[in-house]
Protein backbone atom coordinates (compact mmCIF):
# COMPACT_ATOMS: atom_id res chain seq x y z
CA MET A 1 27.75 -19.46 72.83
CA ILE A 2 24.91 -18.91 75.31
CA GLY A 3 25.51 -22.32 76.85
CA GLN A 4 29.21 -21.66 77.31
CA LYS A 5 28.46 -18.36 79.05
CA ILE A 6 25.94 -20.02 81.34
CA LYS A 7 28.43 -22.73 82.24
CA ARG A 8 31.21 -20.19 82.89
CA LEU A 9 28.97 -18.02 85.07
CA ARG A 10 27.56 -21.04 86.92
CA GLU A 11 31.05 -22.30 87.71
CA GLN A 12 32.19 -18.81 88.80
CA LYS A 13 29.29 -18.74 91.26
CA GLY A 14 30.28 -22.21 92.52
CA LEU A 15 26.95 -23.75 91.48
CA THR A 16 26.33 -27.24 90.18
CA ILE A 17 23.80 -27.83 87.42
CA THR A 18 21.53 -29.34 90.07
CA GLU A 19 21.72 -26.20 92.22
CA LEU A 20 21.14 -23.88 89.26
CA ALA A 21 18.15 -25.98 88.22
CA ALA A 22 16.64 -25.94 91.70
CA ARG A 23 17.06 -22.19 92.11
CA SER A 24 15.88 -21.26 88.61
CA GLY A 25 13.11 -23.77 88.03
CA VAL A 26 14.75 -24.84 84.75
CA SER A 27 15.32 -28.59 84.45
CA LYS A 28 18.79 -30.06 84.88
CA SER A 29 18.55 -31.80 81.52
CA TYR A 30 17.68 -28.54 79.76
CA ILE A 31 20.57 -26.65 81.39
CA SER A 32 22.93 -29.50 80.55
CA SER A 33 21.75 -29.49 76.93
CA MET A 34 22.29 -25.75 76.74
CA GLU A 35 25.79 -25.99 78.16
CA ARG A 36 26.65 -28.65 75.59
CA ASP A 37 25.22 -26.50 72.78
CA ILE A 38 22.47 -28.99 71.98
CA LYS A 39 19.77 -26.45 72.89
CA LYS A 40 20.82 -23.19 71.24
CA ASN A 41 17.69 -21.04 71.34
CA PRO A 42 16.28 -20.89 74.87
CA SER A 43 13.15 -18.85 75.48
CA ILE A 44 13.23 -15.43 77.12
CA GLU A 45 11.55 -17.03 80.15
CA VAL A 46 14.41 -19.55 80.55
CA LEU A 47 17.04 -16.84 80.07
CA SER A 48 15.27 -14.63 82.59
CA ARG A 49 15.18 -17.36 85.24
CA LEU A 50 18.84 -18.26 84.72
CA SER A 51 20.03 -14.65 84.63
CA LYS A 52 18.34 -13.92 87.97
CA VAL A 53 20.10 -16.82 89.68
CA LEU A 54 23.41 -16.01 88.00
CA GLN A 55 22.94 -12.32 88.89
CA VAL A 56 23.50 -10.96 85.38
CA GLU A 57 21.35 -9.17 82.84
CA ILE A 58 19.81 -11.27 80.06
CA GLY A 59 21.91 -9.27 77.61
CA GLU A 60 25.05 -10.66 79.21
CA LEU A 61 23.94 -14.17 78.28
CA VAL A 62 23.07 -13.42 74.66
CA ARG A 63 25.81 -10.93 73.79
CA GLU A 64 28.43 -12.24 71.37
């Protein structure tokens, strides 16, 4: 679920995985794994970095 939200928000912002990775400091491979639901439990640090770039609260990413 988190990965799908990240992907949806990233695409709404017009960002590629590469751009999101560069801006957030989270690796492309990690973001890709999250979006494909391979990595399902990212750390608060990762969620914080991604939420800042995507301009949403962390709660938005983890809310069902």
